[in-house]
Amino acid sequence: TVTFGERENYSSVVYCGRNLGRDTIPGSDGRCGPDDGPQCESCKRLQHGPFRVDIMSRKFPGLPREAFVGALRAKGGLMDVAMEHLSEDLGAKECEMESRLVLLPPQDQA
């Protein structure tokens, strides 16, 4: 389970909230999020991995999958930049979610 950052400029960044220590997450208090700051390596991989479209659809539930794929392609595959593009350039409004949690299906371990 991950959440989106809650502070300005971090609302499209995902965090797991685990306390892994300052050596593991340099430049942080040792915790991955939950509001801002550096991500742990697992969250970085998630943010740049195959679930990007699923994560983006939680923020913009009314947009079709093609909009997310197009935004990712236009912005070099970077999810946070693509989400900013959707918010600003296309005028899409982020969903006010009751919960900021993003639940993802387990990955196949094969």
Foldseek 3Di string as FASTA:
>chain_A
DWFFAADPPGRQQIEPQDQQQCVQFPPDRRTADDHDDTHGPVSVCVQQDDCLLVLLCQFQVVDDSVLQVVLCVVVVSGSSNSSVCCCPVVVGHTDPDPDRDDDDDDDDPD
